[in-house]
Amino acid sequence: MSLSDNVYIIGLTGQSGAGKSTVSKIFSQNGLPVIDADCISREVSRGDDFLKETAELFSDCVAGGKLDRRKLASIVFNDPQKLLSYTNIIYPYITKAVFSEIKRLKEQANTVIILDAPTLFESGLDDICAAVVSVIAPMELKIKRILERDNIPVELVYSRLGSQNSEEYFKSRSDYVIENDSDLDSLKEKTLDIIAKLAKRFEQQRL
């Protein structure tokens, strides 16, 4: 469902390394405003209230008023229970900030907003989406992209991917799926096709 009759929220999600950020940029380049939940996560993780809550459970990951994201990742991506504990802390902060950004964009007369969120389903933010687009990719390409992008040990890459939901999980919960298994031109073509389908879908809903 959509947040209101005046705006359509399009959820954009997928596994790490699948190419979601590139798809997000293509949406933006075609005039669609994007809310980056990863960026919001980094912003809220600097807040005093969040740091205080996090330090109560992960004291080794908070020092000098800052969150050590790499140390935290090495802990939570190897322990499902600790990952759940951490997400229970941060999701409410992210959700509040996302709704604030949606309100701001609505006030600017935007009628379609892309919500780029890697944990769209886990956080429950898919409930406010009129449609969901998931980006998937072959495992070897995801590993290669993460290693090049994040400069982290390969063991941590496997831990991160192993902690995420399967490709079938994303497929079964999405209205549209983009398979990023080729080059950038192919990805652009697939994304533009999704934009056209979304435009047609929402135009029909307005009739």
C-alpha atoms as a PDB file:
ATOM      1  CA  MET A   1       0.000   0.000   0.000  1.00  0.00           C
ATOM      2  CA  SER A   2       1.044   3.617  -0.348  1.00  0.00           C
ATOM      3  CA  LEU A   3       1.555   6.052   2.487  1.00  0.00           C
ATOM      4  CA  SER A   4      -1.281   8.252   1.267  1.00  0.00           C
ATOM      5  CA  ASP A   5      -3.370   8.994  -1.801  1.00  0.00           C
ATOM      6  CA  ASN A   6      -0.977  11.802  -2.737  1.00  0.00           C
ATOM      7  CA  VAL A   7       2.334   9.959  -2.877  1.00  0.00           C
ATOM      8  CA  TYR A   8       3.643   6.558  -3.931  1.00  0.00           C
ATOM      9  CA  ILE A   9       6.576   5.088  -2.017  1.00  0.00           C
ATOM     10  CA  ILE A  10       8.638   2.627  -4.066  1.00  0.00           C
ATOM     11  CA  GLY A  11      10.786   0.321  -1.972  1.00  0.00           C
ATOM     12  CA  LEU A  12      14.197  -0.539  -3.425  1.00  0.00           C
ATOM     13  CA  THR A  13      16.095  -3.367  -1.780  1.00  0.00           C
ATOM     14  CA  GLY A  14      18.384  -6.344  -2.369  1.00  0.00           C
ATOM     15  CA  GLN A  15      21.401  -8.158  -1.005  1.00  0.00           C
ATOM     16  CA  SER A  16      24.703  -6.412  -0.401  1.00  0.00           C
ATOM     17  CA  GLY A  17      26.773  -6.212  -3.577  1.00  0.00           C
ATOM     18  CA  ALA A  18      23.826  -6.774  -5.915  1.00  0.00           C
ATOM     19  CA  GLY A  19      24.022  -3.255  -7.351  1.00  0.00           C
ATOM     20  CA  LYS A  20      21.141  -1.586  -5.542  1.00  0.00           C
ATOM     21  CA  SER A  21      23.027   1.688  -5.126  1.00  0.00           C
ATOM     22  CA  THR A  22      23.636   1.891  -8.867  1.00  0.00           C
ATOM     23  CA  VAL A  23      19.944   1.321  -9.547  1.00  0.00           C
ATOM     24  CA  SER A  24      19.165   4.009  -6.986  1.00  0.00           C
ATOM     25  CA  LYS A  25      21.392   6.455  -8.889  1.00  0.00           C
ATOM     26  CA  ILE A  26      19.597   5.646 -12.145  1.00  0.00           C
ATOM     27  CA  PHE A  27      16.244   6.370 -10.485  1.00  0.00           C
ATOM     28  CA  SER A  28      17.627   9.677  -9.232  1.00  0.00           C
ATOM     29  CA  GLN A  29      19.096  10.595 -12.625  1.00  0.00           C
ATOM     30  CA  ASN A  30      15.619  10.141 -14.074  1.00  0.00           C
ATOM     31  CA  GLY A  31      14.040  12.669 -11.754  1.00  0.00           C
ATOM     32  CA  LEU A  32      12.842  10.453  -8.905  1.00  0.00           C
ATOM     33  CA  PRO A  33      13.774  11.587  -5.376  1.00  0.00           C
ATOM     34  CA  VAL A  34      15.587   8.924  -3.358  1.00  0.00           C
ATOM     35  CA  ILE A  35      15.637   8.383   0.392  1.00  0.00           C
ATOM     36  CA  ASP A  36      18.845   6.506   1.248  1.00  0.00           C
ATOM     37  CA  ALA A  37      18.216   4.439   4.381  1.00  0.00           C
ATOM     38  CA  ASP A  38      21.919   3.532   4.600  1.00  0.00           C
ATOM     39  CA  CYS A  39      22.798   7.218   4.750  1.00  0.00           C
ATOM     40  CA  ILE A  40      20.098   7.757   7.362  1.00  0.00           C
ATOM     41  CA  SER A  41      21.495   4.823   9.355  1.00  0.00           C
ATOM     42  CA  ARG A  42      24.925   6.445   9.439  1.00  0.00           C
ATOM     43  CA  GLU A  43      23.402   9.749  10.528  1.00  0.00           C
ATOM     44  CA  VAL A  44      21.292   8.316  13.354  1.00  0.00           C
ATOM     45  CA  SER A  45      24.231   6.195  14.556  1.00  0.00           C
ATOM     46  CA  ARG A  46      25.920   9.449  15.584  1.00  0.00           C
ATOM     47  CA  GLY A  47      23.041  10.455  17.863  1.00  0.00           C
ATOM     48  CA  ASP A  48      23.559  10.501  21.633  1.00  0.00           C
ATOM     49  CA  ASP A  49      20.440   8.476  22.476  1.00  0.00           C
ATOM     50  CA  PHE A  50      21.286   5.799  19.938  1.00  0.00           C
ATOM     51  CA  LEU A  51      24.911   5.563  21.115  1.00  0.00           C
ATOM     52  CA  LYS A  52      23.797   5.246  24.723  1.00  0.00           C
ATOM     53  CA  GLU A  53      21.422   2.371  23.901  1.00  0.00           C
ATOM     54  CA  THR A  54      24.014   0.642  21.739  1.00  0.00           C
ATOM     55  CA  ALA A  55      26.749   0.948  24.369  1.00  0.00           C
ATOM     56  CA  GLU A  56      24.556  -0.921  26.855  1.00  0.00           C
ATOM     57  CA  LEU A  57      24.733  -4.048  24.663  1.00  0.00           C
ATOM     58  CA  PHE A  58      27.870  -3.477  22.596  1.00  0.00           C
ATOM     59  CA  SER A  59      30.159  -1.496  24.870  1.00  0.00           C
ATOM     60  CA  ASP A  60      33.298  -2.455  22.912  1.00  0.00           C
ATOM     61  CA  CYS A  61      31.832  -0.854  19.776  1.00  0.00           C
ATOM     62  CA  VAL A  62      31.261   2.623  21.205  1.00  0.00           C
ATOM     63  CA  ALA A  63      34.190   4.823  22.195  1.00  0.00           C
ATOM     64  CA  GLY A  64      34.724   8.556  22.296  1.00  0.00           C
ATOM     65  CA  GLY A  65      31.138   9.211  21.322  1.00  0.00           C
ATOM     66  CA  LYS A  66      31.486   7.248  18.092  1.00  0.00           C
ATOM     67  CA  LEU A  67      30.301   3.890  16.797  1.00  0.00           C
ATOM     68  CA  ASP A  68      32.988   1.545  15.471  1.00  0.00           C
ATOM     69  CA  ARG A  69      30.960   0.198  12.552  1.00  0.00           C
ATOM     70  CA  ARG A  70      33.592  -2.295  11.417  1.00  0.00           C
ATOM     71  CA  LYS A  71      33.946  -3.836  14.876  1.00  0.00           C
ATOM     72  CA  LEU A  72      30.166  -3.969  15.250  1.00  0.00           C
ATOM     73  CA  ALA A  73      29.826  -5.666  11.859  1.00  0.00           C
ATOM     74  CA  SER A  74      32.357  -8.335  12.825  1.00  0.00           C
ATOM     75  CA  ILE A  75      30.185  -9.137  15.851  1.00  0.00           C
ATOM     76  CA  VAL A  76      26.608  -8.968  14.583  1.00  0.00           C
ATOM     77  CA  PHE A  77      27.163 -10.634  11.213  1.00  0.00           C
ATOM     78  CA  ASN A  78      28.509 -13.710  13.019  1.00  0.00           C
ATOM     79  CA  ASP A  79      25.733 -13.951  15.606  1.00  0.00           C
ATOM     80  CA  PRO A  80      22.057 -13.837  14.520  1.00  0.00           C
ATOM     81  CA  GLN A  81      20.856 -13.029  18.041  1.00  0.00           C
ATOM     82  CA  LYS A  82      23.229 -10.096  18.395  1.00  0.00           C
ATOM     83  CA  LEU A  83      22.223  -8.871  14.941  1.00  0.00           C
ATOM     84  CA  LEU A  84      18.590  -8.952  16.042  1.00  0.00           C
ATOM     85  CA  SER A  85      19.437  -7.074  19.229  1.00  0.00           C
ATOM     86  CA  TYR A  86      21.209  -4.374  17.239  1.00  0.00           C
ATOM     87  CA  THR A  87      18.452  -3.988  14.664  1.00  0.00           C
ATOM     88  CA  ASN A  88      15.892  -3.690  17.465  1.00  0.00           C
ATOM     89  CA  ILE A  89      17.851  -0.650  18.639  1.00  0.00           C
ATOM     90  CA  ILE A  90      18.453   1.102  15.337  1.00  0.00           C
ATOM     91  CA  TYR A  91      15.270   0.411  13.318  1.00  0.00           C
ATOM     92  CA  PRO A  92      13.034   2.791  15.308  1.00  0.00           C
ATOM     93  CA  TYR A  93      15.546   5.611  14.779  1.00  0.00           C
ATOM     94  CA  ILE A  94      15.747   4.884  11.055  1.00  0.00           C
ATOM     95  CA  THR A  95      11.970   4.653  10.672  1.00  0.00           C
ATOM     96  CA  LYS A  96      11.421   7.982  12.403  1.00  0.00           C
ATOM     97  CA  ALA A  97      13.984   9.673  10.152  1.00  0.00           C
ATOM     98  CA  VAL A  98      12.532   8.060   7.018  1.00  0.00           C
ATOM     99  CA  PHE A  99       9.044   9.348   7.804  1.00  0.00           C
ATOM    100  CA  SER A 100      10.452  12.800   8.417  1.00  0.00           C
ATOM    101  CA  GLU A 101      12.149  12.748   5.009  1.00  0.00           C
ATOM    102  CA  ILE A 102       8.981  11.492   3.307  1.00  0.00           C
ATOM    103  CA  LYS A 103       7.068  14.386   4.841  1.00  0.00           C
ATOM    104  CA  ARG A 104       9.684  16.841   3.570  1.00  0.00           C
ATOM    105  CA  LEU A 105       9.572  15.444   0.040  1.00  0.00           C
ATOM    106  CA  LYS A 106       5.766  15.430   0.021  1.00  0.00           C
ATOM    107  CA  GLU A 107       5.778  19.100   0.938  1.00  0.00           C
ATOM    108  CA  GLN A 108       7.862  19.673  -2.194  1.00  0.00           C
ATOM    109  CA  ALA A 109       5.001  18.188  -4.257  1.00  0.00           C
ATOM    110  CA  ASN A 110       6.758  14.907  -5.083  1.00  0.00           C
ATOM    111  CA  THR A 111       4.257  12.182  -5.952  1.00  0.00           C
ATOM    112  CA  VAL A 112       6.691   9.256  -6.305  1.00  0.00           C
ATOM    113  CA  ILE A 113       9.538   8.641  -3.840  1.00  0.00           C
ATOM    114  CA  ILE A 114      12.154   5.874  -3.953  1.00  0.00           C
ATOM    115  CA  LEU A 115      12.993   4.360  -0.565  1.00  0.00           C
ATOM    116  CA  ASP A 116      16.406   2.716  -0.923  1.00  0.00           C
ATOM    117  CA  ALA A 117      16.621   0.358   2.066  1.00  0.00           C
ATOM    118  CA  PRO A 118      18.678  -2.857   2.292  1.00  0.00           C
ATOM    119  CA  THR A 119      16.564  -4.029   5.241  1.00  0.00           C
ATOM    120  CA  LEU A 120      13.234  -2.857   3.829  1.00  0.00           C
ATOM    121  CA  PHE A 121      11.361  -6.015   4.854  1.00  0.00           C
ATOM    122  CA  GLU A 122      13.072  -6.581   8.197  1.00  0.00           C
ATOM    123  CA  SER A 123      12.346  -3.035   9.342  1.00  0.00           C
ATOM    124  CA  GLY A 124       8.702  -3.230   8.258  1.00  0.00           C
ATOM    125  CA  LEU A 125       9.093  -0.265   5.910  1.00  0.00           C
ATOM    126  CA  ASP A 126       7.717  -2.353   3.043  1.00  0.00           C
ATOM    127  CA  ASP A 127       4.300  -1.804   4.657  1.00  0.00           C
ATOM    128  CA  ILE A 128       4.261   1.805   3.439  1.00  0.00           C
ATOM    129  CA  CYS A 129       5.349   0.936  -0.106  1.00  0.00           C
ATOM    130  CA  ALA A 130       3.055   0.927  -3.117  1.00  0.00           C
ATOM    131  CA  ALA A 131       5.531  -1.389  -4.862  1.00  0.00           C
ATOM    132  CA  VAL A 132       8.850  -3.076  -4.124  1.00  0.00           C
ATOM    133  CA  VAL A 133      11.799  -3.476  -6.495  1.00  0.00           C
ATOM    134  CA  SER A 134      14.544  -5.950  -5.561  1.00  0.00           C
ATOM    135  CA  VAL A 135      17.990  -6.147  -7.143  1.00  0.00           C
ATOM    136  CA  ILE A 136      19.668  -9.556  -7.296  1.00  0.00           C
ATOM    137  CA  ALA A 137      22.991 -10.763  -8.710  1.00  0.00           C
ATOM    138  CA  PRO A 138      25.099 -13.941  -8.921  1.00  0.00           C
ATOM    139  CA  MET A 139      27.058 -14.723  -5.763  1.00  0.00           C
ATOM    140  CA  GLU A 140      30.495 -14.354  -7.367  1.00  0.00           C
ATOM    141  CA  LEU A 141      29.643 -10.853  -8.598  1.00  0.00           C
ATOM    142  CA  LYS A 142      28.333  -9.801  -5.184  1.00  0.00           C
ATOM    143  CA  ILE A 143      31.521 -10.984  -3.483  1.00  0.00           C
ATOM    144  CA  LYS A 144      33.695  -9.187  -6.047  1.00  0.00           C
ATOM    145  CA  ARG A 145      31.774  -5.911  -5.684  1.00  0.00           C
ATOM    146  CA  ILE A 146      31.827  -5.937  -1.885  1.00  0.00           C
ATOM    147  CA  LEU A 147      35.570  -6.638  -1.788  1.00  0.00           C
ATOM    148  CA  GLU A 148      36.256  -3.767  -4.202  1.00  0.00           C
ATOM    149  CA  ARG A 149      33.849  -1.361  -2.505  1.00  0.00           C
ATOM    150  CA  ASP A 150      34.397  -1.975   1.205  1.00  0.00           C
ATOM    151  CA  ASN A 151      38.012  -3.193   1.385  1.00  0.00           C
ATOM    152  CA  ILE A 152      37.191  -5.782   4.058  1.00  0.00           C
ATOM    153  CA  PRO A 153      38.459  -9.343   4.628  1.00  0.00           C
ATOM    154  CA  VAL A 154      36.782 -11.975   2.483  1.00  0.00           C
ATOM    155  CA  GLU A 155      35.685 -13.805   5.650  1.00  0.00           C
ATOM    156  CA  LEU A 156      33.606 -10.788   6.662  1.00  0.00           C
ATOM    157  CA  VAL A 157      32.070 -10.660   3.183  1.00  0.00           C
ATOM    158  CA  TYR A 158      30.878 -14.243   3.544  1.00  0.00           C
ATOM    159  CA  SER A 159      29.566 -13.526   7.045  1.00  0.00           C
ATOM    160  CA  ARG A 160      27.658 -10.489   5.808  1.00  0.00           C
ATOM    161  CA  LEU A 161      26.089 -12.315   2.877  1.00  0.00           C
ATOM    162  CA  GLY A 162      25.339 -15.320   5.048  1.00  0.00           C
ATOM    163  CA  SER A 163      23.398 -13.153   7.484  1.00  0.00           C
ATOM    164  CA  GLN A 164      21.145 -11.781   4.744  1.00  0.00           C
ATOM    165  CA  ASN A 165      17.992 -13.229   3.283  1.00  0.00           C
ATOM    166  CA  SER A 166      18.124 -15.493   0.252  1.00  0.00           C
ATOM    167  CA  GLU A 167      17.499 -14.488  -3.339  1.00  0.00           C
ATOM    168  CA  GLU A 168      14.170 -16.334  -3.250  1.00  0.00           C
ATOM    169  CA  TYR A 169      13.141 -14.323  -0.187  1.00  0.00           C
ATOM    170  CA  PHE A 170      13.530 -11.101  -2.151  1.00  0.00           C
ATOM    171  CA  LYS A 171      11.876 -12.477  -5.283  1.00  0.00           C
ATOM    172  CA  SER A 172       8.805 -13.722  -3.433  1.00  0.00           C
ATOM    173  CA  ARG A 173       8.190 -10.382  -1.726  1.00  0.00           C
ATOM    174  CA  SER A 174       8.802  -8.036  -4.638  1.00  0.00           C
ATOM    175  CA  ASP A 175       6.635  -6.619  -7.387  1.00  0.00           C
ATOM    176  CA  TYR A 176       9.623  -6.215  -9.689  1.00  0.00           C
ATOM    177  CA  VAL A 177      13.039  -7.912  -9.769  1.00  0.00           C
ATOM    178  CA  ILE A 178      16.140  -6.571 -11.520  1.00  0.00           C
ATOM    179  CA  GLU A 179      18.786  -9.211 -12.199  1.00  0.00           C
ATOM    180  CA  ASN A 180      22.143  -7.436 -12.313  1.00  0.00           C
ATOM    181  CA  ASP A 181      24.188 -10.099 -14.067  1.00  0.00           C
ATOM    182  CA  SER A 182      25.745  -8.134 -16.924  1.00  0.00           C
ATOM    183  CA  ASP A 183      27.194  -4.665 -17.578  1.00  0.00           C
ATOM    184  CA  LEU A 184      26.104  -1.146 -16.633  1.00  0.00           C
ATOM    185  CA  ASP A 185      24.267  -0.530 -19.913  1.00  0.00           C
ATOM    186  CA  SER A 186      22.174  -3.632 -19.333  1.00  0.00           C
ATOM    187  CA  LEU A 187      21.397  -2.536 -15.775  1.00  0.00           C
ATOM    188  CA  LYS A 188      20.342   0.917 -17.004  1.00  0.00           C
ATOM    189  CA  GLU A 189      18.044  -0.641 -19.597  1.00  0.00           C
ATOM    190  CA  LYS A 190      16.417  -2.904 -17.010  1.00  0.00           C
ATOM    191  CA  THR A 191      15.956  -0.023 -14.565  1.00  0.00           C
ATOM    192  CA  LEU A 192      14.430   2.262 -17.203  1.00  0.00           C
ATOM    193  CA  ASP A 193      12.022  -0.547 -18.064  1.00  0.00           C
ATOM    194  CA  ILE A 194      10.956  -0.706 -14.404  1.00  0.00           C
ATOM    195  CA  ILE A 195      10.471   3.078 -14.330  1.00  0.00           C
ATOM    196  CA  ALA A 196       8.196   2.841 -17.382  1.00  0.00           C
ATOM    197  CA  LYS A 197       6.189   0.013 -15.812  1.00  0.00           C
ATOM    198  CA  LEU A 198       5.799   1.948 -12.557  1.00  0.00           C
ATOM    199  CA  ALA A 199       4.648   5.076 -14.410  1.00  0.00           C
ATOM    200  CA  LYS A 200       2.038   3.066 -16.299  1.00  0.00           C
ATOM    201  CA  ARG A 201       0.888   1.281 -13.148  1.00  0.00           C
ATOM    202  CA  PHE A 202       0.364   4.432 -11.104  1.00  0.00           C
ATOM    203  CA  GLU A 203      -1.271   6.289 -13.981  1.00  0.00           C
ATOM    204  CA  GLN A 204      -3.809   3.466 -14.247  1.00  0.00           C
ATOM    205  CA  GLN A 205      -4.445   3.591 -10.493  1.00  0.00           C
ATOM    206  CA  ARG A 206      -5.255   7.297 -10.734  1.00  0.00           C
ATOM    207  CA  LEU A 207      -7.913   6.725 -13.416  1.00  0.00           C
END
